C-alpha atoms as a PDB file:
ATOM      1  CA  MET A   1       0.000   0.000   0.000  1.00  0.00           C
ATOM      2  CA  LYS A   2       2.927   2.302   0.626  1.00  0.00           C
ATOM      3  CA  GLN A   3       3.698   2.462  -3.080  1.00  0.00           C
ATOM      4  CA  GLN A   4       0.264   3.885  -3.893  1.00  0.00           C
ATOM      5  CA  LYS A   5       1.059   7.087  -1.968  1.00  0.00           C
ATOM      6  CA  ASN A   6       3.644   8.167  -4.504  1.00  0.00           C
ATOM      7  CA  ASN A   7       2.724  10.732  -7.109  1.00  0.00           C
ATOM      8  CA  ILE A   8       4.805   9.987 -10.206  1.00  0.00           C
ATOM      9  CA  LEU A   9       5.453  12.334 -13.123  1.00  0.00           C
ATOM     10  CA  VAL A  10       6.716  11.011 -16.466  1.00  0.00           C
ATOM     11  CA  ILE A  11       8.231  13.700 -18.718  1.00  0.00           C
ATOM     12  CA  THR A  12       9.648  11.524 -21.496  1.00  0.00           C
ATOM     13  CA  PRO A  13       7.786   9.542 -24.210  1.00  0.00           C
ATOM     14  CA  VAL A  14       7.023   6.010 -22.992  1.00  0.00           C
ATOM     15  CA  LYS A  15       3.833   4.984 -24.774  1.00  0.00           C
ATOM     16  CA  HIS A  16       5.827   3.113 -27.437  1.00  0.00           C
ATOM     17  CA  ILE A  17       7.459   0.879 -24.794  1.00  0.00           C
ATOM     18  CA  ASP A  18       5.379  -2.256 -24.389  1.00  0.00           C
ATOM     19  CA  GLY A  19       4.350  -2.849 -20.780  1.00  0.00           C
ATOM     20  CA  PHE A  20       5.813   0.351 -19.307  1.00  0.00           C
ATOM     21  CA  GLU A  21       2.569   2.170 -18.515  1.00  0.00           C
ATOM     22  CA  LYS A  22       1.002  -0.870 -16.919  1.00  0.00           C
ATOM     23  CA  LYS A  23       4.009  -1.445 -14.662  1.00  0.00           C
ATOM     24  CA  ILE A  24       4.543   2.164 -13.579  1.00  0.00           C
ATOM     25  CA  ASN A  25       0.853   2.571 -12.773  1.00  0.00           C
ATOM     26  CA  LYS A  26       1.272  -0.130 -10.115  1.00  0.00           C
ATOM     27  CA  LEU A  27       3.816   2.044  -8.282  1.00  0.00           C
ATOM     28  CA  GLY A  28       1.613   5.061  -7.639  1.00  0.00           C
ATOM     29  CA  LYS A  29      -0.582   7.708  -9.189  1.00  0.00           C
ATOM     30  CA  VAL A  30       1.024   8.573 -12.512  1.00  0.00           C
ATOM     31  CA  SER A  31       0.766  11.738 -14.597  1.00  0.00           C
ATOM     32  CA  PHE A  32       2.121  11.697 -18.148  1.00  0.00           C
ATOM     33  CA  LYS A  33       3.462  15.059 -19.364  1.00  0.00           C
ATOM     34  CA  GLU A  34       5.769  13.710 -22.027  1.00  0.00           C
ATOM     35  CA  TYR A  35       6.504  16.988 -23.806  1.00  0.00           C
ATOM     36  CA  ILE A  36       6.334  19.458 -20.912  1.00  0.00           C
ATOM     37  CA  ASN A  37       8.575  22.527 -21.026  1.00  0.00           C
ATOM     38  CA  TYR A  38      10.723  23.900 -18.224  1.00  0.00           C
ATOM     39  CA  GLU A  39       8.344  26.689 -17.188  1.00  0.00           C
ATOM     40  CA  ASP A  40       5.325  24.391 -16.920  1.00  0.00           C
ATOM     41  CA  LEU A  41       7.324  21.741 -15.064  1.00  0.00           C
ATOM     42  CA  LEU A  42       8.432  24.382 -12.583  1.00  0.00           C
ATOM     43  CA  LYS A  43       4.780  25.053 -11.740  1.00  0.00           C
ATOM     44  CA  ILE A  44       3.814  21.461 -10.954  1.00  0.00           C
ATOM     45  CA  ILE A  45       6.933  19.572  -9.860  1.00  0.00           C
ATOM     46  CA  ASN A  46       6.264  20.243  -6.164  1.00  0.00           C
ATOM     47  CA  ASN A  47       3.323  17.810  -6.389  1.00  0.00           C
ATOM     48  CA  PHE A  48       5.461  14.751  -7.109  1.00  0.00           C
ATOM     49  CA  GLU A  49       7.635  12.348  -5.153  1.00  0.00           C
ATOM     50  CA  ILE A  50       9.046  10.687  -8.282  1.00  0.00           C
ATOM     51  CA  VAL A  51       9.968  12.079 -11.706  1.00  0.00           C
ATOM     52  CA  PHE A  52      10.884   9.860 -14.648  1.00  0.00           C
ATOM     53  CA  THR A  53      12.958  11.568 -17.363  1.00  0.00           C
ATOM     54  CA  ASN A  54      15.480  10.902 -20.116  1.00  0.00           C
ATOM     55  CA  PRO A  55      18.044  13.213 -21.767  1.00  0.00           C
ATOM     56  CA  ASN A  56      17.475  12.063 -25.346  1.00  0.00           C
ATOM     57  CA  LYS A  57      14.044  13.599 -25.784  1.00  0.00           C
ATOM     58  CA  SER A  58      13.486  15.978 -22.905  1.00  0.00           C
ATOM     59  CA  LYS A  59      14.569  19.606 -23.114  1.00  0.00           C
ATOM     60  CA  ILE A  60      14.633  19.781 -19.327  1.00  0.00           C
ATOM     61  CA  PHE A  61      17.818  20.381 -17.382  1.00  0.00           C
ATOM     62  CA  PHE A  62      17.340  19.704 -13.688  1.00  0.00           C
ATOM     63  CA  ASP A  63      19.089  22.755 -12.264  1.00  0.00           C
ATOM     64  CA  LYS A  64      19.115  24.293  -8.784  1.00  0.00           C
ATOM     65  CA  LYS A  65      15.940  26.301  -9.385  1.00  0.00           C
ATOM     66  CA  LEU A  66      13.940  23.278 -10.512  1.00  0.00           C
ATOM     67  CA  ILE A  67      15.301  21.033  -7.766  1.00  0.00           C
ATOM     68  CA  ASP A  68      14.498  23.625  -5.099  1.00  0.00           C
ATOM     69  CA  GLN A  69      10.935  23.778  -6.363  1.00  0.00           C
ATOM     70  CA  ALA A  70      10.612  19.986  -6.148  1.00  0.00           C
ATOM     71  CA  SER A  71       9.876  20.053  -2.427  1.00  0.00           C
ATOM     72  CA  LYS A  72       8.470  16.495  -2.257  1.00  0.00           C
ATOM     73  CA  LEU A  73      10.850  14.829  -4.696  1.00  0.00           C
ATOM     74  CA  LYS A  74      12.457  11.615  -3.436  1.00  0.00           C
ATOM     75  CA  TYR A  75      13.576   9.913  -6.649  1.00  0.00           C
ATOM     76  CA  LEU A  76      14.670  11.277 -10.012  1.00  0.00           C
ATOM     77  CA  CYS A  77      14.733   8.408 -12.526  1.00  0.00           C
ATOM     78  CA  THR A  78      16.493   8.539 -15.874  1.00  0.00           C
ATOM     79  CA  ALA A  79      16.650   5.574 -18.230  1.00  0.00           C
ATOM     80  CA  SER A  80      20.156   6.515 -19.363  1.00  0.00           C
ATOM     81  CA  THR A  81      23.801   6.016 -18.505  1.00  0.00           C
ATOM     82  CA  GLY A  82      24.491   9.714 -19.018  1.00  0.00           C
ATOM     83  CA  ILE A  83      23.296  12.104 -16.316  1.00  0.00           C
ATOM     84  CA  ASN A  84      24.630  15.421 -17.627  1.00  0.00           C
ATOM     85  CA  HIS A  85      21.024  16.683 -17.828  1.00  0.00           C
ATOM     86  CA  ILE A  86      20.986  16.802 -14.011  1.00  0.00           C
ATOM     87  CA  ASP A  87      22.842  18.932 -11.464  1.00  0.00           C
ATOM     88  CA  THR A  88      23.864  15.800  -9.595  1.00  0.00           C
ATOM     89  CA  LYS A  89      25.842  17.540  -6.851  1.00  0.00           C
ATOM     90  CA  TYR A  90      22.911  19.738  -5.868  1.00  0.00           C
ATOM     91  CA  LEU A  91      20.459  16.862  -6.126  1.00  0.00           C
ATOM     92  CA  LYS A  92      22.601  14.848  -3.708  1.00  0.00           C
ATOM     93  CA  LYS A  93      22.855  17.833  -1.393  1.00  0.00           C
ATOM     94  CA  LYS A  94      19.050  17.931  -1.237  1.00  0.00           C
ATOM     95  CA  GLY A  95      18.915  14.234  -0.373  1.00  0.00           C
ATOM     96  CA  ILE A  96      17.183  13.213  -3.584  1.00  0.00           C
ATOM     97  CA  LYS A  97      18.203   9.869  -5.035  1.00  0.00           C
ATOM     98  CA  ILE A  98      19.089   9.419  -8.706  1.00  0.00           C
ATOM     99  CA  ILE A  99      18.102   6.149 -10.306  1.00  0.00           C
ATOM    100  CA  SER A 100      19.972   5.690 -13.587  1.00  0.00           C
ATOM    101  CA  LEU A 101      21.673   3.012 -15.639  1.00  0.00           C
ATOM    102  CA  THR A 102      25.164   4.409 -15.085  1.00  0.00           C
ATOM    103  CA  LYS A 103      26.420   1.553 -12.895  1.00  0.00           C
ATOM    104  CA  ASN A 104      23.717  -1.037 -13.514  1.00  0.00           C
ATOM    105  CA  LYS A 105      25.840  -3.500 -15.476  1.00  0.00           C
ATOM    106  CA  LYS A 106      23.223  -6.228 -15.384  1.00  0.00           C
ATOM    107  CA  ILE A 107      20.955  -4.063 -17.522  1.00  0.00           C
ATOM    108  CA  ILE A 108      23.357  -2.080 -19.696  1.00  0.00           C
ATOM    109  CA  ASN A 109      25.433  -5.106 -20.714  1.00  0.00           C
ATOM    110  CA  LYS A 110      22.374  -6.209 -22.666  1.00  0.00           C
ATOM    111  CA  ILE A 111      22.221  -2.984 -24.680  1.00  0.00           C
ATOM    112  CA  SER A 112      24.481  -2.678 -27.735  1.00  0.00           C
ATOM    113  CA  SER A 113      22.344  -0.135 -29.614  1.00  0.00           C
ATOM    114  CA  THR A 114      24.656   2.878 -29.254  1.00  0.00           C
ATOM    115  CA  ALA A 115      27.725   0.946 -30.390  1.00  0.00           C
ATOM    116  CA  GLU A 116      25.776  -0.275 -33.394  1.00  0.00           C
ATOM    117  CA  HIS A 117      24.882   3.325 -34.183  1.00  0.00           C
ATOM    118  CA  SER A 118      28.591   4.203 -33.975  1.00  0.00           C
ATOM    119  CA  LEU A 119      29.232   1.607 -36.656  1.00  0.00           C
ATOM    120  CA  ALA A 120      26.334   2.936 -38.733  1.00  0.00           C
ATOM    121  CA  LEU A 121      27.822   6.438 -38.579  1.00  0.00           C
ATOM    122  CA  THR A 122      31.253   5.035 -39.420  1.00  0.00           C
ATOM    123  CA  LEU A 123      29.944   3.263 -42.526  1.00  0.00           C
ATOM    124  CA  SER A 124      27.847   6.258 -43.552  1.00  0.00           C
ATOM    125  CA  ALA A 125      30.880   8.541 -43.385  1.00  0.00           C
ATOM    126  CA  LEU A 126      33.273   6.118 -45.092  1.00  0.00           C
ATOM    127  CA  ARG A 127      30.929   5.681 -48.058  1.00  0.00           C
ATOM    128  CA  LYS A 128      29.447   9.196 -47.921  1.00  0.00           C
ATOM    129  CA  ILE A 129      25.951   7.752 -47.983  1.00  0.00           C
ATOM    130  CA  PRO A 130      23.988  10.760 -46.609  1.00  0.00           C
ATOM    131  CA  PHE A 131      25.807  13.159 -48.939  1.00  0.00           C
ATOM    132  CA  SER A 132      25.176  10.970 -51.992  1.00  0.00           C
ATOM    133  CA  PHE A 133      21.476  10.737 -51.154  1.00  0.00           C
ATOM    134  CA  GLU A 134      21.262  14.524 -50.889  1.00  0.00           C
ATOM    135  CA  GLY A 135      22.820  14.659 -54.351  1.00  0.00           C
ATOM    136  CA  VAL A 136      20.212  12.279 -55.722  1.00  0.00           C
ATOM    137  CA  LYS A 137      17.428  14.505 -54.358  1.00  0.00           C
ATOM    138  CA  ASN A 138      19.022  17.385 -56.273  1.00  0.00           C
ATOM    139  CA  ASN A 139      18.932  15.373 -59.548  1.00  0.00           C
ATOM    140  CA  GLU A 140      22.630  14.550 -59.370  1.00  0.00           C
ATOM    141  CA  TRP A 141      24.070  11.199 -60.506  1.00  0.00           C
ATOM    142  CA  ASN A 142      27.859  11.475 -60.375  1.00  0.00           C
ATOM    143  CA  TYR A 143      30.001   9.026 -58.397  1.00  0.00           C
ATOM    144  CA  GLU A 144      33.096  11.244 -58.588  1.00  0.00           C
ATOM    145  CA  ASN A 145      31.778  13.406 -55.766  1.00  0.00           C
ATOM    146  CA  TYR A 146      31.249  10.420 -53.448  1.00  0.00           C
ATOM    147  CA  ILE A 147      34.279   8.176 -53.705  1.00  0.00           C
ATOM    148  CA  GLY A 148      34.644   6.409 -50.363  1.00  0.00           C
ATOM    149  CA  ARG A 149      37.143   4.231 -48.511  1.00  0.00           C
ATOM    150  CA  GLN A 150      37.608   0.459 -48.278  1.00  0.00           C
ATOM    151  CA  MET A 151      37.651  -0.655 -44.653  1.00  0.00           C
ATOM    152  CA  ASN A 152      40.064  -3.579 -44.817  1.00  0.00           C
ATOM    153  CA  TYR A 153      42.825  -1.130 -45.753  1.00  0.00           C
ATOM    154  CA  LEU A 154      42.116   1.217 -42.850  1.00  0.00           C
ATOM    155  CA  SER A 155      43.053   1.575 -39.191  1.00  0.00           C
ATOM    156  CA  VAL A 156      40.350   2.457 -36.692  1.00  0.00           C
ATOM    157  CA  GLY A 157      41.077   4.033 -33.316  1.00  0.00           C
ATOM    158  CA  VAL A 158      38.794   3.472 -30.343  1.00  0.00           C
ATOM    159  CA  ILE A 159      38.982   5.856 -27.385  1.00  0.00           C
ATOM    160  CA  GLY A 160      37.427   4.170 -24.376  1.00  0.00           C
ATOM    161  CA  ALA A 161      37.332   0.399 -23.867  1.00  0.00           C
ATOM    162  CA  GLY A 162      34.309   0.198 -21.614  1.00  0.00           C
ATOM    163  CA  ARG A 163      31.049  -1.514 -22.441  1.00  0.00           C
ATOM    164  CA  LEU A 164      30.248   0.411 -25.640  1.00  0.00           C
ATOM    165  CA  GLY A 165      33.868   0.632 -26.737  1.00  0.00           C
ATOM    166  CA  ASN A 166      34.150  -3.148 -26.538  1.00  0.00           C
ATOM    167  CA  PHE A 167      30.887  -3.634 -28.398  1.00  0.00           C
ATOM    168  CA  TYR A 168      32.233  -1.383 -31.163  1.00  0.00           C
ATOM    169  CA  ILE A 169      35.592  -3.187 -31.239  1.00  0.00           C
ATOM    170  CA  ASN A 170      33.862  -6.541 -31.673  1.00  0.00           C
ATOM    171  CA  LEU A 171      31.686  -5.167 -34.463  1.00  0.00           C
ATOM    172  CA  CYS A 172      34.757  -3.822 -36.277  1.00  0.00           C
ATOM    173  CA  LYS A 173      37.081  -6.830 -35.939  1.00  0.00           C
ATOM    174  CA  ASN A 174      36.204  -8.365 -39.289  1.00  0.00           C
ATOM    175  CA  LEU A 175      35.924  -5.068 -41.119  1.00  0.00           C
ATOM    176  CA  PHE A 176      39.121  -3.071 -40.591  1.00  0.00           C
ATOM    177  CA  LYS A 177      42.810  -3.760 -41.139  1.00  0.00           C
ATOM    178  CA  GLU A 178      43.584  -3.054 -37.481  1.00  0.00           C
ATOM    179  CA  ILE A 179      42.052  -1.573 -34.338  1.00  0.00           C
ATOM    180  CA  LEU A 180      44.061   0.619 -31.966  1.00  0.00           C
ATOM    181  CA  VAL A 181      42.536   1.139 -28.527  1.00  0.00           C
ATOM    182  CA  PHE A 182      43.297   3.870 -26.000  1.00  0.00           C
ATOM    183  CA  ASP A 183      42.079   3.554 -22.428  1.00  0.00           C
ATOM    184  CA  PRO A 184      44.429   4.349 -19.519  1.00  0.00           C
ATOM    185  CA  TYR A 185      42.121   2.614 -17.021  1.00  0.00           C
ATOM    186  CA  LYS A 186      41.432  -0.699 -18.726  1.00  0.00           C
ATOM    187  CA  LYS A 187      43.643  -3.483 -20.000  1.00  0.00           C
ATOM    188  CA  ILE A 188      42.272  -5.068 -23.147  1.00  0.00           C
ATOM    189  CA  LYS A 189      42.879  -8.500 -24.584  1.00  0.00           C
ATOM    190  CA  GLU A 190      45.105  -7.976 -27.610  1.00  0.00           C
ATOM    191  CA  THR A 191      44.825 -10.043 -30.791  1.00  0.00           C
ATOM    192  CA  ILE A 192      46.468  -9.998 -34.206  1.00  0.00           C
ATOM    193  CA  LYS A 193      44.140  -7.163 -35.236  1.00  0.00           C
ATOM    194  CA  VAL A 194      43.488  -5.416 -31.923  1.00  0.00           C
ATOM    195  CA  ARG A 195      46.183  -3.753 -29.868  1.00  0.00           C
ATOM    196  CA  GLN A 196      46.289  -1.236 -27.058  1.00  0.00           C
ATOM    197  CA  VAL A 197      48.209   2.035 -27.288  1.00  0.00           C
ATOM    198  CA  ASN A 198      49.120   4.398 -24.474  1.00  0.00           C
ATOM    199  CA  ASN A 199      49.421   7.614 -26.451  1.00  0.00           C
ATOM    200  CA  LEU A 200      46.559   9.582 -28.010  1.00  0.00           C
ATOM    201  CA  LYS A 201      48.920  11.467 -30.310  1.00  0.00           C
ATOM    202  CA  TYR A 202      50.092   8.173 -31.775  1.00  0.00           C
ATOM    203  CA  LEU A 203      46.502   7.006 -32.229  1.00  0.00           C
ATOM    204  CA  PHE A 204      45.578  10.191 -34.095  1.00  0.00           C
ATOM    205  CA  LYS A 205      48.641   9.914 -36.334  1.00  0.00           C
ATOM    206  CA  LYS A 206      47.950   6.308 -37.261  1.00  0.00           C
ATOM    207  CA  CYS A 207      44.181   6.029 -37.577  1.00  0.00           C
ATOM    208  CA  ASP A 208      41.877   6.741 -40.502  1.00  0.00           C
ATOM    209  CA  VAL A 209      38.758   6.475 -38.326  1.00  0.00           C
ATOM    210  CA  ILE A 210      38.489   7.391 -34.635  1.00  0.00           C
ATOM    211  CA  SER A 211      35.421   6.564 -32.568  1.00  0.00           C
ATOM    212  CA  LEU A 212      34.732   7.975 -29.092  1.00  0.00           C
ATOM    213  CA  HIS A 213      33.296   5.838 -26.284  1.00  0.00           C
ATOM    214  CA  VAL A 214      33.947   7.696 -23.030  1.00  0.00           C
ATOM    215  CA  HIS A 215      31.841   9.305 -20.330  1.00  0.00           C
ATOM    216  CA  ILE A 216      31.945  13.066 -19.851  1.00  0.00           C
ATOM    217  CA  SER A 217      34.077  14.154 -16.882  1.00  0.00           C
ATOM    218  CA  ASP A 218      36.582  16.848 -15.971  1.00  0.00           C
ATOM    219  CA  GLU A 219      39.221  14.654 -17.576  1.00  0.00           C
ATOM    220  CA  THR A 220      37.383  14.071 -20.853  1.00  0.00           C
ATOM    221  CA  ASN A 221      35.814  17.522 -21.287  1.00  0.00           C
ATOM    222  CA  ASN A 222      37.412  19.035 -24.434  1.00  0.00           C
ATOM    223  CA  LEU A 223      39.593  15.931 -24.726  1.00  0.00           C
ATOM    224  CA  ILE A 224      39.623  16.319 -28.500  1.00  0.00           C
ATOM    225  CA  ASN A 225      41.061  19.770 -29.093  1.00  0.00           C
ATOM    226  CA  GLU A 226      43.253  21.771 -31.456  1.00  0.00           C
ATOM    227  CA  LYS A 227      46.484  20.268 -30.148  1.00  0.00           C
ATOM    228  CA  LEU A 228      45.344  16.676 -30.554  1.00  0.00           C
ATOM    229  CA  LEU A 229      43.706  17.311 -33.919  1.00  0.00           C
ATOM    230  CA  SER A 230      47.014  18.693 -35.199  1.00  0.00           C
ATOM    231  CA  PHE A 231      48.281  15.092 -35.269  1.00  0.00           C
ATOM    232  CA  ALA A 232      45.285  13.760 -37.240  1.00  0.00           C
ATOM    233  CA  LYS A 233      45.265  12.649 -40.832  1.00  0.00           C
ATOM    234  CA  ALA A 234      43.898  15.131 -43.359  1.00  0.00           C
ATOM    235  CA  ASN A 235      41.071  12.750 -44.247  1.00  0.00           C
ATOM    236  CA  LEU A 236      40.159  11.672 -40.713  1.00  0.00           C
ATOM    237  CA  ILE A 237      36.693  10.358 -39.972  1.00  0.00           C
ATOM    238  CA  LEU A 238      35.769  11.199 -36.380  1.00  0.00           C
ATOM    239  CA  VAL A 239      32.742   9.457 -34.850  1.00  0.00           C
ATOM    240  CA  ASN A 240      31.089  10.575 -31.621  1.00  0.00           C
ATOM    241  CA  THR A 241      28.206   8.837 -29.862  1.00  0.00           C
ATOM    242  CA  SER A 242      29.414   9.754 -26.358  1.00  0.00           C
ATOM    243  CA  ARG A 243      28.828  13.406 -25.450  1.00  0.00           C
ATOM    244  CA  GLY A 244      29.340  16.597 -27.436  1.00  0.00           C
ATOM    245  CA  GLU A 245      31.414  18.182 -24.683  1.00  0.00           C
ATOM    246  CA  ILE A 246      34.225  15.668 -25.228  1.00  0.00           C
ATOM    247  CA  ILE A 247      35.143  17.628 -28.339  1.00  0.00           C
ATOM    248  CA  ASN A 248      36.043  21.292 -28.527  1.00  0.00           C
ATOM    249  CA  GLU A 249      33.636  21.948 -31.358  1.00  0.00           C
ATOM    250  CA  TYR A 250      35.230  25.239 -32.386  1.00  0.00           C
ATOM    251  CA  ASP A 251      38.649  23.582 -32.675  1.00  0.00           C
ATOM    252  CA  LEU A 252      37.073  20.773 -34.677  1.00  0.00           C
ATOM    253  CA  ILE A 253      35.465  23.201 -37.119  1.00  0.00           C
ATOM    254  CA  GLU A 254      38.818  24.882 -37.720  1.00  0.00           C
ATOM    255  CA  PHE A 255      40.304  21.447 -38.391  1.00  0.00           C
ATOM    256  CA  LEU A 256      37.516  20.629 -40.852  1.00  0.00           C
ATOM    257  CA  LYS A 257      38.004  23.939 -42.661  1.00  0.00           C
ATOM    258  CA  LYS A 258      41.668  23.096 -43.204  1.00  0.00           C
ATOM    259  CA  ASN A 259      40.982  19.458 -44.105  1.00  0.00           C
ATOM    260  CA  GLU A 260      38.030  19.268 -46.467  1.00  0.00           C
ATOM    261  CA  SER A 261      38.333  15.497 -46.892  1.00  0.00           C
ATOM    262  CA  SER A 262      37.683  14.948 -43.194  1.00  0.00           C
ATOM    263  CA  ILE A 263      34.236  14.074 -41.854  1.00  0.00           C
ATOM    264  CA  TYR A 264      32.678  14.402 -38.423  1.00  0.00           C
ATOM    265  CA  ALA A 265      29.827  11.949 -37.787  1.00  0.00           C
ATOM    266  CA  THR A 266      28.060  12.594 -34.503  1.00  0.00           C
ATOM    267  CA  ASP A 267      24.963  11.669 -32.546  1.00  0.00           C
ATOM    268  CA  VAL A 268      25.568  14.309 -29.876  1.00  0.00           C
ATOM    269  CA  LEU A 269      26.212  18.029 -29.557  1.00  0.00           C
ATOM    270  CA  SER A 270      27.787  20.151 -26.883  1.00  0.00           C
ATOM    271  CA  ASN A 271      25.122  21.709 -24.652  1.00  0.00           C
ATOM    272  CA  GLU A 272      22.475  19.971 -26.743  1.00  0.00           C
ATOM    273  CA  ILE A 273      19.642  20.339 -24.235  1.00  0.00           C
ATOM    274  CA  LYS A 274      19.879  24.086 -23.692  1.00  0.00           C
ATOM    275  CA  GLY A 275      21.991  25.351 -26.581  1.00  0.00           C
ATOM    276  CA  ARG A 276      21.229  23.187 -29.586  1.00  0.00           C
ATOM    277  CA  GLN A 277      19.753  26.055 -31.620  1.00  0.00           C
ATOM    278  CA  SER A 278      23.078  27.889 -31.549  1.00  0.00           C
ATOM    279  CA  SER A 279      25.252  24.821 -32.147  1.00  0.00           C
ATOM    280  CA  PRO A 280      28.382  25.664 -34.177  1.00  0.00           C
ATOM    281  CA  ILE A 281      28.331  22.107 -35.554  1.00  0.00           C
ATOM    282  CA  ILE A 282      24.858  22.479 -37.046  1.00  0.00           C
ATOM    283  CA  LYS A 283      25.686  25.931 -38.360  1.00  0.00           C
ATOM    284  CA  TYR A 284      28.821  24.636 -40.088  1.00  0.00           C
ATOM    285  CA  ALA A 285      26.975  21.583 -41.438  1.00  0.00           C
ATOM    286  CA  LYS A 286      24.499  23.831 -43.226  1.00  0.00           C
ATOM    287  CA  ASN A 287      27.357  25.478 -45.125  1.00  0.00           C
ATOM    288  CA  LYS A 288      29.659  22.481 -45.565  1.00  0.00           C
ATOM    289  CA  LYS A 289      27.184  19.824 -46.571  1.00  0.00           C
ATOM    290  CA  LYS A 290      29.737  17.058 -47.183  1.00  0.00           C
ATOM    291  CA  GLN A 291      31.754  17.157 -43.976  1.00  0.00           C
ATOM    292  CA  ILE A 292      29.302  16.643 -41.138  1.00  0.00           C
ATOM    293  CA  ILE A 293      26.705  14.002 -40.365  1.00  0.00           C
ATOM    294  CA  VAL A 294      24.460  14.686 -37.360  1.00  0.00           C
ATOM    295  CA  THR A 295      21.790  12.385 -35.975  1.00  0.00           C
ATOM    296  CA  GLN A 296      19.362  13.379 -33.245  1.00  0.00           C
ATOM    297  CA  HIS A 297      20.854  11.533 -30.234  1.00  0.00           C
ATOM    298  CA  ILE A 298      19.298   8.306 -31.456  1.00  0.00           C
ATOM    299  CA  GLY A 299      22.165   5.962 -30.530  1.00  0.00           C
ATOM    300  CA  GLY A 300      20.209   4.093 -27.882  1.00  0.00           C
ATOM    301  CA  MET A 301      16.877   4.525 -29.597  1.00  0.00           C
ATOM    302  CA  THR A 302      16.033   1.008 -30.713  1.00  0.00           C
ATOM    303  CA  THR A 303      12.880  -0.878 -29.802  1.00  0.00           C
ATOM    304  CA  GLU A 304      14.898  -3.512 -27.984  1.00  0.00           C
ATOM    305  CA  GLY A 305      17.349  -1.125 -26.305  1.00  0.00           C
ATOM    306  CA  GLN A 306      14.677   1.224 -24.998  1.00  0.00           C
ATOM    307  CA  SER A 307      12.590  -1.619 -23.666  1.00  0.00           C
ATOM    308  CA  ILE A 308      15.551  -3.022 -21.722  1.00  0.00           C
ATOM    309  CA  ALA A 309      16.578   0.433 -20.429  1.00  0.00           C
ATOM    310  CA  TYR A 310      13.183   1.781 -19.396  1.00  0.00           C
ATOM    311  CA  LEU A 311      11.803  -1.403 -17.897  1.00  0.00           C
ATOM    312  CA  GLY A 312      15.105  -2.026 -16.138  1.00  0.00           C
ATOM    313  CA  THR A 313      15.092   1.452 -14.607  1.00  0.00           C
ATOM    314  CA  LEU A 314      11.497   0.951 -13.559  1.00  0.00           C
ATOM    315  CA  GLU A 315      12.403  -2.319 -11.865  1.00  0.00           C
ATOM    316  CA  THR A 316      15.200  -0.567  -9.956  1.00  0.00           C
ATOM    317  CA  LEU A 317      12.737   2.103  -8.821  1.00  0.00           C
ATOM    318  CA  LYS A 318      10.302  -0.590  -7.688  1.00  0.00           C
ATOM    319  CA  ASN A 319      13.027  -2.282  -5.629  1.00  0.00           C
ATOM    320  CA  ASN A 320      13.870   1.031  -3.967  1.00  0.00           C
ATOM    321  CA  LEU A 321      10.240   1.586  -3.000  1.00  0.00           C
ATOM    322  CA  VAL A 322       9.845  -1.785  -1.291  1.00  0.00           C
END
């Protein structure tokens, strides 16, 4: 009976996830405001003990003002590994618990969707698929503008050998000539094709494709910057499904201007929740239509992946309420 006392607010789309509504309704009185904006959320959040969110769709950043207004809030649930849409330090100070997938290995080890999207972006960039399709829509039919690369002649660099990095490595093993992996905190199992390197400069010098698989932190913020990019090949393909803040986007744009054969394929933008409209990456992409591929933070957005993530987070919430 204790569970029924909780007022729960869901501010992310969930109706497409089979079984979610039925299960969350058993935990309390649920209100669905899947597309609510910040100002409207500010007016009603003090009525709820539990809020269920997600960074991929929501435009809400849980800042000090919003958290202060949430006078009854006990749990803030996010069906994601990333929690950069929340002021976590202030939330902890207020005694509010975050329920996320960040350390829930039992759940996240089942989800390979984002790594698969990294490979999709890699292939799209290597063969210039989005650019060629845009040409077709403009009545163009000329292969000379879209000559790509053959993977078994190329070296791919992987930064971050955690869960998603390893998924990506395994997907790439039979595709590329070699895979170089940089991760100062993990020891990987080396093979004929896969070897670990301890120097990012070396990785940038050697690799034709570099894919990022790291969490955002003080250490990784602006990890990819002007200095590191100065070692990159002139036709580098850089893939990012981690977080936009890992790359200094202004430094990257300068690199792309100087190296017109290079491509940036990304699923994320710096400050994408609050500052997407002024993104320098999107602005540059509109002018340089054959150097940037941007998808709408859809890496984890598969039917299977979302079902595992959302229902798993809900199960964790249920266990906390018992």
